[in-house]
Amino acid sequence: MINPTSAVNIESMLSQIRQYQAQASEGVNLSPDATVDNQSVGVSGFADSIKSAVQEVNATQQTSKALKTAYERGDDIPLTDVVMSMQKSSLAFEATLQIRNKVLKAYEEIMNMPV
């Protein structure tokens, strides 16, 4: 069974990604009016988004582990819930890993650019 709050979290993450993509396609504002405070707020907002995403993945993995342990103890938990939880956890981890790989690849490309 899919948790309604996790569906909301997924939708909010997708909307944030779409906003970042729109901002990236528009370019970076380098006008003199752009202050250091505005830039640091953007950076901390991105860092906070990444931190919350990793925490959500961790929470998903912890929930999966707890369901698995409870099932193994013999608690009245349907096997389908345990398997779905484990698959959700695995998928969230794989997505996080793929995002990390893309970020590292982009970083390497930027570092290899001639100045």
PDB file of N, CA and C in Angstrom:
ATOM      1  N   MET A   1       0.848  -1.174   0.000  1.00  0.00           N
ATOM      2  CA  MET A   1       0.000   0.000   0.000  1.00  0.00           C
ATOM      3  C   MET A   1       0.892   1.234   0.000  1.00  0.00           C
ATOM      4  N   ILE A   2       0.622   2.187  -0.876  1.00  0.00           N
ATOM      5  CA  ILE A   2       1.430   3.403  -0.983  1.00  0.00           C
ATOM      6  C   ILE A   2       0.949   4.404   0.048  1.00  0.00           C
ATOM      7  N   ASN A   3       1.890   4.943   0.769  1.00  0.00           N
ATOM      8  CA  ASN A   3       1.606   5.932   1.789  1.00  0.00           C
ATOM      9  C   ASN A   3       1.269   7.263   1.108  1.00  0.00           C
ATOM     10  N   PRO A   4       0.120   7.907   1.406  1.00  0.00           N
ATOM     11  CA  PRO A   4      -0.248   9.164   0.752  1.00  0.00           C
ATOM     12  C   PRO A   4       0.762  10.274   1.020  1.00  0.00           C
ATOM     13  N   THR A   5       1.388  10.267   2.173  1.00  0.00           N
ATOM     14  CA  THR A   5       2.369  11.326   2.456  1.00  0.00           C
ATOM     15  C   THR A   5       3.610  11.161   1.608  1.00  0.00           C
ATOM     16  N   SER A   6       4.004   9.920   1.280  1.00  0.00           N
ATOM     17  CA  SER A   6       5.170   9.735   0.428  1.00  0.00           C
ATOM     18  C   SER A   6       4.863  10.175  -0.999  1.00  0.00           C
ATOM     19  N   ALA A   7       3.621   9.999  -1.447  1.00  0.00           N
ATOM     20  CA  ALA A   7       3.237  10.475  -2.775  1.00  0.00           C
ATOM     21  C   ALA A   7       3.308  11.998  -2.830  1.00  0.00           C
ATOM     22  N   VAL A   8       2.915  12.650  -1.746  1.00  0.00           N
ATOM     23  CA  VAL A   8       3.005  14.110  -1.680  1.00  0.00           C
ATOM     24  C   VAL A   8       4.463  14.538  -1.690  1.00  0.00           C
ATOM     25  N   ASN A   9       5.327  13.818  -0.953  1.00  0.00           N
ATOM     26  CA  ASN A   9       6.751  14.137  -0.935  1.00  0.00           C
ATOM     27  C   ASN A   9       7.369  13.972  -2.312  1.00  0.00           C
ATOM     28  N   ILE A  10       6.982  12.930  -3.024  1.00  0.00           N
ATOM     29  CA  ILE A  10       7.494  12.709  -4.372  1.00  0.00           C
ATOM     30  C   ILE A  10       7.053  13.842  -5.286  1.00  0.00           C
ATOM     31  N   GLU A  11       5.790  14.237  -5.179  1.00  0.00           N
ATOM     32  CA  GLU A  11       5.289  15.338  -6.010  1.00  0.00           C
ATOM     33  C   GLU A  11       6.020  16.641  -5.701  1.00  0.00           C
ATOM     34  N   SER A  12       6.294  16.906  -4.416  1.00  0.00           N
ATOM     35  CA  SER A  12       7.001  18.145  -4.070  1.00  0.00           C
ATOM     36  C   SER A  12       8.432  18.113  -4.594  1.00  0.00           C
ATOM     37  N   MET A  13       9.084  16.939  -4.533  1.00  0.00           N
ATOM     38  CA  MET A  13      10.443  16.824  -5.068  1.00  0.00           C
ATOM     39  C   MET A  13      10.438  17.023  -6.578  1.00  0.00           C
ATOM     40  N   LEU A  14       9.443  16.449  -7.269  1.00  0.00           N
ATOM     41  CA  LEU A  14       9.350  16.633  -8.711  1.00  0.00           C
ATOM     42  C   LEU A  14       9.129  18.095  -9.072  1.00  0.00           C
ATOM     43  N   SER A  15       8.299  18.782  -8.298  1.00  0.00           N
ATOM     44  CA  SER A  15       8.068  20.197  -8.591  1.00  0.00           C
ATOM     45  C   SER A  15       9.331  21.015  -8.343  1.00  0.00           C
ATOM     46  N   GLN A  16      10.112  20.669  -7.306  1.00  0.00           N
ATOM     47  CA  GLN A  16      11.375  21.365  -7.066  1.00  0.00           C
ATOM     48  C   GLN A  16      12.359  21.120  -8.201  1.00  0.00           C
ATOM     49  N   ILE A  17      12.421  19.890  -8.683  1.00  0.00           N
ATOM     50  CA  ILE A  17      13.323  19.573  -9.793  1.00  0.00           C
ATOM     51  C   ILE A  17      12.918  20.360 -11.034  1.00  0.00           C
ATOM     52  N   ARG A  18      11.613  20.441 -11.280  1.00  0.00           N
ATOM     53  CA  ARG A  18      11.142  21.211 -12.444  1.00  0.00           C
ATOM     54  C   ARG A  18      11.495  22.687 -12.302  1.00  0.00           C
ATOM     55  N   GLN A  19      11.392  23.216 -11.075  1.00  0.00           N
ATOM     56  CA  GLN A  19      11.764  24.615 -10.852  1.00  0.00           C
ATOM     57  C   GLN A  19      13.251  24.828 -11.103  1.00  0.00           C
ATOM     58  N   TYR A  20      14.084  23.903 -10.628  1.00  0.00           N
ATOM     59  CA  TYR A  20      15.528  24.008 -10.851  1.00  0.00           C
ATOM     60  C   TYR A  20      15.859  23.932 -12.331  1.00  0.00           C
ATOM     61  N   GLN A  21      15.149  23.054 -13.057  1.00  0.00           N
ATOM     62  CA  GLN A  21      15.383  22.940 -14.484  1.00  0.00           C
ATOM     63  C   GLN A  21      14.987  24.230 -15.207  1.00  0.00           C
ATOM     64  N   ALA A  22      13.876  24.825 -14.793  1.00  0.00           N
ATOM     65  CA  ALA A  22      13.444  26.079 -15.407  1.00  0.00           C
ATOM     66  C   ALA A  22      14.444  27.188 -15.118  1.00  0.00           C
ATOM     67  N   GLN A  23      14.939  27.241 -13.891  1.00  0.00           N
ATOM     68  CA  GLN A  23      15.933  28.253 -13.540  1.00  0.00           C
ATOM     69  C   GLN A  23      17.225  28.033 -14.306  1.00  0.00           C
ATOM     70  N   ALA A  24      17.611  26.786 -14.485  1.00  0.00           N
ATOM     71  CA  ALA A  24      18.849  26.495 -15.208  1.00  0.00           C
ATOM     72  C   ALA A  24      18.717  26.869 -16.682  1.00  0.00           C
ATOM     73  N   SER A  25      17.542  26.652 -17.262  1.00  0.00           N
ATOM     74  CA  SER A  25      17.359  26.996 -18.666  1.00  0.00           C
ATOM     75  C   SER A  25      17.305  28.506 -18.878  1.00  0.00           C
ATOM     76  N   GLU A  26      16.871  29.255 -17.860  1.00  0.00           N
ATOM     77  CA  GLU A  26      16.836  30.707 -17.957  1.00  0.00           C
ATOM     78  C   GLU A  26      18.225  31.318 -17.790  1.00  0.00           C
ATOM     79  N   GLY A  27      19.105  30.631 -17.122  1.00  0.00           N
ATOM     80  CA  GLY A  27      20.453  31.135 -16.893  1.00  0.00           C
ATOM     81  C   GLY A  27      20.564  31.729 -15.506  1.00  0.00           C
ATOM     82  N   VAL A  28      21.781  32.091 -15.160  1.00  0.00           N
ATOM     83  CA  VAL A  28      22.067  32.644 -13.844  1.00  0.00           C
ATOM     84  C   VAL A  28      22.021  34.157 -13.932  1.00  0.00           C
ATOM     85  N   ASN A  29      21.422  34.793 -12.941  1.00  0.00           N
ATOM     86  CA  ASN A  29      21.329  36.252 -12.891  1.00  0.00           C
ATOM     87  C   ASN A  29      22.634  36.811 -12.341  1.00  0.00           C
ATOM     88  N   LEU A  30      23.394  37.477 -13.211  1.00  0.00           N
ATOM     89  CA  LEU A  30      24.665  38.051 -12.792  1.00  0.00           C
ATOM     90  C   LEU A  30      24.606  39.574 -12.742  1.00  0.00           C
ATOM     91  N   SER A  31      23.420  40.123 -12.610  1.00  0.00           N
ATOM     92  CA  SER A  31      23.288  41.576 -12.555  1.00  0.00           C
ATOM     93  C   SER A  31      23.861  42.112 -11.258  1.00  0.00           C
ATOM     94  N   PRO A  32      24.242  43.422 -11.217  1.00  0.00           N
ATOM     95  CA  PRO A  32      24.795  43.987  -9.996  1.00  0.00           C
ATOM     96  C   PRO A  32      23.804  43.968  -8.835  1.00  0.00           C
ATOM     97  N   ASP A  33      22.507  43.866  -9.145  1.00  0.00           N
ATOM     98  CA  ASP A  33      21.506  43.848  -8.081  1.00  0.00           C
ATOM     99  C   ASP A  33      21.517  42.539  -7.299  1.00  0.00           C
ATOM    100  N   ALA A  34      22.085  41.485  -7.872  1.00  0.00           N
ATOM    101  CA  ALA A  34      22.131  40.195  -7.190  1.00  0.00           C
ATOM    102  C   ALA A  34      23.150  40.283  -6.065  1.00  0.00           C
ATOM    103  N   THR A  35      22.659  40.181  -4.852  1.00  0.00           N
ATOM    104  CA  THR A  35      23.544  40.317  -3.699  1.00  0.00           C
ATOM    105  C   THR A  35      24.038  38.960  -3.254  1.00  0.00           C
ATOM    106  N   VAL A  36      25.034  38.972  -2.416  1.00  0.00           N
ATOM    107  CA  VAL A  36      25.597  37.737  -1.890  1.00  0.00           C
ATOM    108  C   VAL A  36      24.562  37.016  -1.047  1.00  0.00           C
ATOM    109  N   ASP A  37      23.696  37.766  -0.342  1.00  0.00           N
ATOM    110  CA  ASP A  37      22.677  37.137   0.494  1.00  0.00           C
ATOM    111  C   ASP A  37      21.714  36.310  -0.351  1.00  0.00           C
ATOM    112  N   ASN A  38      21.314  36.834  -1.510  1.00  0.00           N
ATOM    113  CA  ASN A  38      20.400  36.083  -2.367  1.00  0.00           C
ATOM    114  C   ASN A  38      21.054  34.814  -2.874  1.00  0.00           C
ATOM    115  N   GLN A  39      22.332  34.881  -3.200  1.00  0.00           N
ATOM    116  CA  GLN A  39      23.020  33.698  -3.692  1.00  0.00           C
ATOM    117  C   GLN A  39      23.178  32.663  -2.588  1.00  0.00           C
ATOM    118  N   SER A  40      23.491  33.094  -1.368  1.00  0.00           N
ATOM    119  CA  SER A  40      23.671  32.129  -0.287  1.00  0.00           C
ATOM    120  C   SER A  40      22.355  31.476   0.103  1.00  0.00           C
ATOM    121  N   VAL A  41      21.250  32.212  -0.024  1.00  0.00           N
ATOM    122  CA  VAL A  41      19.941  31.619   0.259  1.00  0.00           C
ATOM    123  C   VAL A  41      19.652  30.530  -0.757  1.00  0.00           C
ATOM    124  N   GLY A  42      19.981  30.750  -2.030  1.00  0.00           N
ATOM    125  CA  GLY A  42      19.775  29.741  -3.054  1.00  0.00           C
ATOM    126  C   GLY A  42      20.612  28.507  -2.804  1.00  0.00           C
ATOM    127  N   VAL A  43      21.845  28.704  -2.390  1.00  0.00           N
ATOM    128  CA  VAL A  43      22.730  27.575  -2.120  1.00  0.00           C
ATOM    129  C   VAL A  43      22.232  26.784  -0.925  1.00  0.00           C
ATOM    130  N   SER A  44      21.840  27.462   0.148  1.00  0.00           N
ATOM    131  CA  SER A  44      21.359  26.733   1.316  1.00  0.00           C
ATOM    132  C   SER A  44      20.028  26.050   1.010  1.00  0.00           C
ATOM    133  N   GLY A  45      19.207  26.647   0.160  1.00  0.00           N
ATOM    134  CA  GLY A  45      17.960  26.010  -0.234  1.00  0.00           C
ATOM    135  C   GLY A  45      18.214  24.715  -0.973  1.00  0.00           C
ATOM    136  N   PHE A  46      19.212  24.720  -1.860  1.00  0.00           N
ATOM    137  CA  PHE A  46      19.570  23.513  -2.595  1.00  0.00           C
ATOM    138  C   PHE A  46      20.153  22.469  -1.646  1.00  0.00           C
ATOM    139  N   ALA A  47      21.029  22.917  -0.761  1.00  0.00           N
ATOM    140  CA  ALA A  47      21.638  21.996   0.210  1.00  0.00           C
ATOM    141  C   ALA A  47      20.573  21.396   1.115  1.00  0.00           C
ATOM    142  N   ASP A  48      19.626  22.217   1.536  1.00  0.00           N
ATOM    143  CA  ASP A  48      18.534  21.712   2.372  1.00  0.00           C
ATOM    144  C   ASP A  48      17.682  20.703   1.613  1.00  0.00           C
ATOM    145  N   SER A  49      17.458  20.962   0.325  1.00  0.00           N
ATOM    146  CA  SER A  49      16.670  20.024  -0.488  1.00  0.00           C
ATOM    147  C   SER A  49      17.377  18.682  -0.609  1.00  0.00           C
ATOM    148  N   ILE A  50      18.674  18.730  -0.833  1.00  0.00           N
ATOM    149  CA  ILE A  50      19.440  17.486  -0.940  1.00  0.00           C
ATOM    150  C   ILE A  50      19.438  16.742   0.390  1.00  0.00           C
ATOM    151  N   LYS A  51      19.635  17.487   1.470  1.00  0.00           N
ATOM    152  CA  LYS A  51      19.654  16.874   2.793  1.00  0.00           C
ATOM    153  C   LYS A  51      18.311  16.219   3.108  1.00  0.00           C
ATOM    154  N   SER A  52      17.219  16.910   2.813  1.00  0.00           N
ATOM    155  CA  SER A  52      15.901  16.339   3.103  1.00  0.00           C
ATOM    156  C   SER A  52      15.623  15.123   2.216  1.00  0.00           C
ATOM    157  N   ALA A  53      16.092  15.152   0.971  1.00  0.00           N
ATOM    158  CA  ALA A  53      15.899  14.005   0.088  1.00  0.00           C
ATOM    159  C   ALA A  53      16.651  12.783   0.609  1.00  0.00           C
ATOM    160  N   VAL A  54      17.891  12.988   1.058  1.00  0.00           N
ATOM    161  CA  VAL A  54      18.668  11.878   1.598  1.00  0.00           C
ATOM    162  C   VAL A  54      18.027  11.358   2.886  1.00  0.00           C
ATOM    163  N   GLN A  55      17.507  12.265   3.693  1.00  0.00           N
ATOM    164  CA  GLN A  55      16.835  11.841   4.924  1.00  0.00           C
ATOM    165  C   GLN A  55      15.577  11.032   4.615  1.00  0.00           C
ATOM    166  N   GLU A  56      14.853  11.406   3.568  1.00  0.00           N
ATOM    167  CA  GLU A  56      13.665  10.645   3.178  1.00  0.00           C
ATOM    168  C   GLU A  56      14.037   9.246   2.697  1.00  0.00           C
ATOM    169  N   VAL A  57      15.133   9.147   1.941  1.00  0.00           N
ATOM    170  CA  VAL A  57      15.597   7.839   1.491  1.00  0.00           C
ATOM    171  C   VAL A  57      15.989   6.994   2.702  1.00  0.00           C
ATOM    172  N   ASN A  58      16.684   7.603   3.646  1.00  0.00           N
ATOM    173  CA  ASN A  58      17.075   6.888   4.858  1.00  0.00           C
ATOM    174  C   ASN A  58      15.844   6.429   5.639  1.00  0.00           C
ATOM    175  N   ALA A  59      14.852   7.291   5.753  1.00  0.00           N
ATOM    176  CA  ALA A  59      13.628   6.928   6.469  1.00  0.00           C
ATOM    177  C   ALA A  59      12.925   5.767   5.768  1.00  0.00           C
ATOM    178  N   THR A  60      12.917   5.776   4.446  1.00  0.00           N
ATOM    179  CA  THR A  60      12.314   4.688   3.683  1.00  0.00           C
ATOM    180  C   THR A  60      13.047   3.378   3.947  1.00  0.00           C
ATOM    181  N   GLN A  61      14.372   3.446   3.998  1.00  0.00           N
ATOM    182  CA  GLN A  61      15.151   2.240   4.268  1.00  0.00           C
ATOM    183  C   GLN A  61      14.932   1.742   5.694  1.00  0.00           C
ATOM    184  N   GLN A  62      14.832   2.656   6.648  1.00  0.00           N
ATOM    185  CA  GLN A  62      14.597   2.255   8.032  1.00  0.00           C
ATOM    186  C   GLN A  62      13.221   1.613   8.194  1.00  0.00           C
ATOM    187  N   THR A  63      12.222   2.172   7.522  1.00  0.00           N
ATOM    188  CA  THR A  63      10.873   1.601   7.573  1.00  0.00           C
ATOM    189  C   THR A  63      10.862   0.203   6.966  1.00  0.00           C
ATOM    190  N   SER A  64      11.557   0.053   5.852  1.00  0.00           N
ATOM    191  CA  SER A  64      11.648  -1.250   5.203  1.00  0.00           C
ATOM    192  C   SER A  64      12.311  -2.265   6.121  1.00  0.00           C
ATOM    193  N   LYS A  65      13.368  -1.852   6.768  1.00  0.00           N
ATOM    194  CA  LYS A  65      14.079  -2.757   7.676  1.00  0.00           C
ATOM    195  C   LYS A  65      13.190  -3.150   8.854  1.00  0.00           C
ATOM    196  N   ALA A  66      12.446  -2.175   9.385  1.00  0.00           N
ATOM    197  CA  ALA A  66      11.561  -2.459  10.519  1.00  0.00           C
ATOM    198  C   ALA A  66      10.447  -3.425  10.117  1.00  0.00           C
ATOM    199  N   LEU A  67       9.856  -3.241   8.935  1.00  0.00           N
ATOM    200  CA  LEU A  67       8.813  -4.156   8.462  1.00  0.00           C
ATOM    201  C   LEU A  67       9.368  -5.556   8.249  1.00  0.00           C
ATOM    202  N   LYS A  68      10.550  -5.645   7.671  1.00  0.00           N
ATOM    203  CA  LYS A  68      11.171  -6.944   7.437  1.00  0.00           C
ATOM    204  C   LYS A  68      11.435  -7.666   8.752  1.00  0.00           C
ATOM    205  N   THR A  69      11.970  -6.936   9.719  1.00  0.00           N
ATOM    206  CA  THR A  69      12.256  -7.529  11.023  1.00  0.00           C
ATOM    207  C   THR A  69      10.975  -7.985  11.712  1.00  0.00           C
ATOM    208  N   ALA A  70       9.934  -7.158  11.631  1.00  0.00           N
ATOM    209  CA  ALA A  70       8.660  -7.515  12.250  1.00  0.00           C
ATOM    210  C   ALA A  70       8.065  -8.751  11.584  1.00  0.00           C
ATOM    211  N   TYR A  71       8.177  -8.838  10.274  1.00  0.00           N
ATOM    212  CA  TYR A  71       7.658 -10.011   9.564  1.00  0.00           C
ATOM    213  C   TYR A  71       8.426 -11.262   9.964  1.00  0.00           C
ATOM    214  N   GLU A  72       9.755 -11.112  10.070  1.00  0.00           N
ATOM    215  CA  GLU A  72      10.574 -12.269  10.455  1.00  0.00           C
ATOM    216  C   GLU A  72      10.281 -12.733  11.881  1.00  0.00           C
ATOM    217  N   ARG A  73       9.865 -11.810  12.754  1.00  0.00           N
ATOM    218  CA  ARG A  73       9.497 -12.180  14.123  1.00  0.00           C
ATOM    219  C   ARG A  73       8.166 -12.894  14.181  1.00  0.00           C
ATOM    220  N   GLY A  74       7.378 -12.780  13.105  1.00  0.00           N
ATOM    221  CA  GLY A  74       6.087 -13.450  13.075  1.00  0.00           C
ATOM    222  C   GLY A  74       4.918 -12.524  13.338  1.00  0.00           C
ATOM    223  N   ASP A  75       5.158 -11.215  13.337  1.00  0.00           N
ATOM    224  CA  ASP A  75       4.055 -10.268  13.513  1.00  0.00           C
ATOM    225  C   ASP A  75       3.090 -10.393  12.342  1.00  0.00           C
ATOM    226  N   ASP A  76       1.874  -9.914  12.565  1.00  0.00           N
ATOM    227  CA  ASP A  76       0.823 -10.013  11.552  1.00  0.00           C
ATOM    228  C   ASP A  76       0.979  -8.887  10.529  1.00  0.00           C
ATOM    229  N   ILE A  77       1.964  -9.044   9.650  1.00  0.00           N
ATOM    230  CA  ILE A  77       2.223  -8.068   8.592  1.00  0.00           C
ATOM    231  C   ILE A  77       2.176  -8.827   7.268  1.00  0.00           C
ATOM    232  N   PRO A  78       1.365  -8.340   6.323  1.00  0.00           N
ATOM    233  CA  PRO A  78       1.292  -9.036   5.033  1.00  0.00           C
ATOM    234  C   PRO A  78       2.641  -9.014   4.311  1.00  0.00           C
ATOM    235  N   LEU A  79       2.970 -10.103   3.686  1.00  0.00           N
ATOM    236  CA  LEU A  79       4.224 -10.217   2.946  1.00  0.00           C
ATOM    237  C   LEU A  79       4.288  -9.192   1.820  1.00  0.00           C
ATOM    238  N   THR A  80       3.140  -8.895   1.221  1.00  0.00           N
ATOM    239  CA  THR A  80       3.126  -7.917   0.128  1.00  0.00           C
ATOM    240  C   THR A  80       3.565  -6.538   0.607  1.00  0.00           C
ATOM    241  N   ASP A  81       3.184  -6.164   1.833  1.00  0.00           N
ATOM    242  CA  ASP A  81       3.620  -4.873   2.380  1.00  0.00           C
ATOM    243  C   ASP A  81       5.124  -4.844   2.585  1.00  0.00           C
ATOM    244  N   VAL A  82       5.661  -5.963   3.042  1.00  0.00           N
ATOM    245  CA  VAL A  82       7.108  -6.045   3.271  1.00  0.00           C
ATOM    246  C   VAL A  82       7.854  -5.941   1.947  1.00  0.00           C
ATOM    247  N   VAL A  83       7.403  -6.683   0.947  1.00  0.00           N
ATOM    248  CA  VAL A  83       8.068  -6.671  -0.360  1.00  0.00           C
ATOM    249  C   VAL A  83       7.952  -5.296  -1.004  1.00  0.00           C
ATOM    250  N   MET A  84       6.776  -4.677  -0.926  1.00  0.00           N
ATOM    251  CA  MET A  84       6.596  -3.339  -1.507  1.00  0.00           C
ATOM    252  C   MET A  84       7.497  -2.325  -0.814  1.00  0.00           C
ATOM    253  N   SER A  85       7.610  -2.427   0.480  1.00  0.00           N
ATOM    254  CA  SER A  85       8.467  -1.522   1.231  1.00  0.00           C
ATOM    255  C   SER A  85       9.929  -1.701   0.836  1.00  0.00           C
ATOM    256  N   MET A  86      10.340  -2.954   0.682  1.00  0.00           N
ATOM    257  CA  MET A  86      11.718  -3.219   0.277  1.00  0.00           C
ATOM    258  C   MET A  86      11.995  -2.713  -1.133  1.00  0.00           C
ATOM    259  N   GLN A  87      11.031  -2.878  -2.032  1.00  0.00           N
ATOM    260  CA  GLN A  87      11.202  -2.394  -3.404  1.00  0.00           C
ATOM    261  C   GLN A  87      11.246  -0.873  -3.449  1.00  0.00           C
ATOM    262  N   LYS A  88      10.387  -0.228  -2.646  1.00  0.00           N
ATOM    263  CA  LYS A  88      10.392   1.232  -2.576  1.00  0.00           C
ATOM    264  C   LYS A  88      11.733   1.739  -2.060  1.00  0.00           C
ATOM    265  N   SER A  89      12.249   1.077  -1.049  1.00  0.00           N
ATOM    266  CA  SER A  89      13.532   1.437  -0.474  1.00  0.00           C
ATOM    267  C   SER A  89      14.650   1.271  -1.498  1.00  0.00           C
ATOM    268  N   SER A  90      14.632   0.161  -2.201  1.00  0.00           N
ATOM    269  CA  SER A  90      15.651  -0.105  -3.210  1.00  0.00           C
ATOM    270  C   SER A  90      15.588   0.912  -4.339  1.00  0.00           C
ATOM    271  N   LEU A  91      14.394   1.225  -4.788  1.00  0.00           N
ATOM    272  CA  LEU A  91      14.217   2.192  -5.869  1.00  0.00           C
ATOM    273  C   LEU A  91      14.680   3.584  -5.445  1.00  0.00           C
ATOM    274  N   ALA A  92      14.361   3.979  -4.232  1.00  0.00           N
ATOM    275  CA  ALA A  92      14.792   5.293  -3.735  1.00  0.00           C
ATOM    276  C   ALA A  92      16.309   5.365  -3.652  1.00  0.00           C
ATOM    277  N   PHE A  93      16.935   4.287  -3.192  1.00  0.00           N
ATOM    278  CA  PHE A  93      18.392   4.271  -3.104  1.00  0.00           C
ATOM    279  C   PHE A  93      19.030   4.326  -4.484  1.00  0.00           C
ATOM    280  N   GLU A  94      18.509   3.546  -5.429  1.00  0.00           N
ATOM    281  CA  GLU A  94      19.044   3.547  -6.790  1.00  0.00           C
ATOM    282  C   GLU A  94      18.901   4.914  -7.447  1.00  0.00           C
ATOM    283  N   ALA A  95      17.762   5.572  -7.225  1.00  0.00           N
ATOM    284  CA  ALA A  95      17.563   6.908  -7.789  1.00  0.00           C
ATOM    285  C   ALA A  95      18.565   7.895  -7.194  1.00  0.00           C
ATOM    286  N   THR A  96      18.786   7.799  -5.895  1.00  0.00           N
ATOM    287  CA  THR A  96      19.756   8.679  -5.241  1.00  0.00           C
ATOM    288  C   THR A  96      21.152   8.418  -5.784  1.00  0.00           C
ATOM    289  N   LEU A  97      21.494   7.172  -5.988  1.00  0.00           N
ATOM    290  CA  LEU A  97      22.796   6.812  -6.524  1.00  0.00           C
ATOM    291  C   LEU A  97      22.975   7.355  -7.938  1.00  0.00           C
ATOM    292  N   GLN A  98      21.941   7.255  -8.765  1.00  0.00           N
ATOM    293  CA  GLN A  98      22.019   7.767 -10.129  1.00  0.00           C
ATOM    294  C   GLN A  98      22.162   9.292 -10.148  1.00  0.00           C
ATOM    295  N   ILE A  99      21.453   9.965  -9.257  1.00  0.00           N
ATOM    296  CA  ILE A  99      21.576  11.422  -9.173  1.00  0.00           C
ATOM    297  C   ILE A  99      22.986  11.807  -8.755  1.00  0.00           C
ATOM    298  N   ARG A 100      23.532  11.073  -7.779  1.00  0.00           N
ATOM    299  CA  ARG A 100      24.905  11.344  -7.350  1.00  0.00           C
ATOM    300  C   ARG A 100      25.874  11.168  -8.507  1.00  0.00           C
ATOM    301  N   ASN A 101      25.695  10.111  -9.288  1.00  0.00           N
ATOM    302  CA  ASN A 101      26.579   9.870 -10.428  1.00  0.00           C
ATOM    303  C   ASN A 101      26.485  10.987 -11.455  1.00  0.00           C
ATOM    304  N   LYS A 102      25.284  11.466 -11.708  1.00  0.00           N
ATOM    305  CA  LYS A 102      25.108  12.565 -12.667  1.00  0.00           C
ATOM    306  C   LYS A 102      25.763  13.850 -12.162  1.00  0.00           C
ATOM    307  N   VAL A 103      25.616  14.126 -10.873  1.00  0.00           N
ATOM    308  CA  VAL A 103      26.223  15.329 -10.293  1.00  0.00           C
ATOM    309  C   VAL A 103      27.747  15.238 -10.375  1.00  0.00           C
ATOM    310  N   LEU A 104      28.306  14.071 -10.065  1.00  0.00           N
ATOM    311  CA  LEU A 104      29.752  13.897 -10.151  1.00  0.00           C
ATOM    312  C   LEU A 104      30.254  14.042 -11.582  1.00  0.00           C
ATOM    313  N   LYS A 105      29.512  13.510 -12.524  1.00  0.00           N
ATOM    314  CA  LYS A 105      29.895  13.630 -13.933  1.00  0.00           C
ATOM    315  C   LYS A 105      29.870  15.099 -14.365  1.00  0.00           C
ATOM    316  N   ALA A 106      28.839  15.821 -13.964  1.00  0.00           N
ATOM    317  CA  ALA A 106      28.755  17.245 -14.300  1.00  0.00           C
ATOM    318  C   ALA A 106      29.906  18.022 -13.654  1.00  0.00           C
ATOM    319  N   TYR A 107      30.234  17.696 -12.419  1.00  0.00           N
ATOM    320  CA  TYR A 107      31.346  18.348 -11.724  1.00  0.00           C
ATOM    321  C   TYR A 107      32.662  18.087 -12.458  1.00  0.00           C
ATOM    322  N   GLU A 108      32.884  16.844 -12.868  1.00  0.00           N
ATOM    323  CA  GLU A 108      34.111  16.514 -13.595  1.00  0.00           C
ATOM    324  C   GLU A 108      34.181  17.265 -14.920  1.00  0.00           C
ATOM    325  N   GLU A 109      33.062  17.385 -15.616  1.00  0.00           N
ATOM    326  CA  GLU A 109      33.039  18.114 -16.876  1.00  0.00           C
ATOM    327  C   GLU A 109      33.356  19.590 -16.656  1.00  0.00           C
ATOM    328  N   ILE A 110      32.811  20.160 -15.588  1.00  0.00           N
ATOM    329  CA  ILE A 110      33.080  21.566 -15.288  1.00  0.00           C
ATOM    330  C   ILE A 110      34.549  21.751 -14.944  1.00  0.00           C
ATOM    331  N   MET A 111      35.103  20.837 -14.163  1.00  0.00           N
ATOM    332  CA  MET A 111      36.507  20.953 -13.774  1.00  0.00           C
ATOM    333  C   MET A 111      37.444  20.784 -14.956  1.00  0.00           C
ATOM    334  N   ASN A 112      37.033  20.055 -15.982  1.00  0.00           N
ATOM    335  CA  ASN A 112      37.881  19.850 -17.160  1.00  0.00           C
ATOM    336  C   ASN A 112      37.738  20.947 -18.205  1.00  0.00           C
ATOM    337  N   MET A 113      36.844  21.903 -17.976  1.00  0.00           N
ATOM    338  CA  MET A 113      36.668  23.002 -18.914  1.00  0.00           C
ATOM    339  C   MET A 113      37.878  23.921 -18.872  1.00  0.00           C
ATOM    340  N   PRO A 114      38.347  24.347 -20.040  1.00  0.00           N
ATOM    341  CA  PRO A 114      39.453  25.305 -20.040  1.00  0.00           C
ATOM    342  C   PRO A 114      38.973  26.681 -19.606  1.00  0.00           C
ATOM    343  N   VAL A 115      39.827  27.359 -18.853  1.00  0.00           N
ATOM    344  CA  VAL A 115      39.445  28.674 -18.339  1.00  0.00           C
ATOM    345  C   VAL A 115      40.009  29.764 -19.207  1.00  0.00           C
TER     346      VAL A 115
END
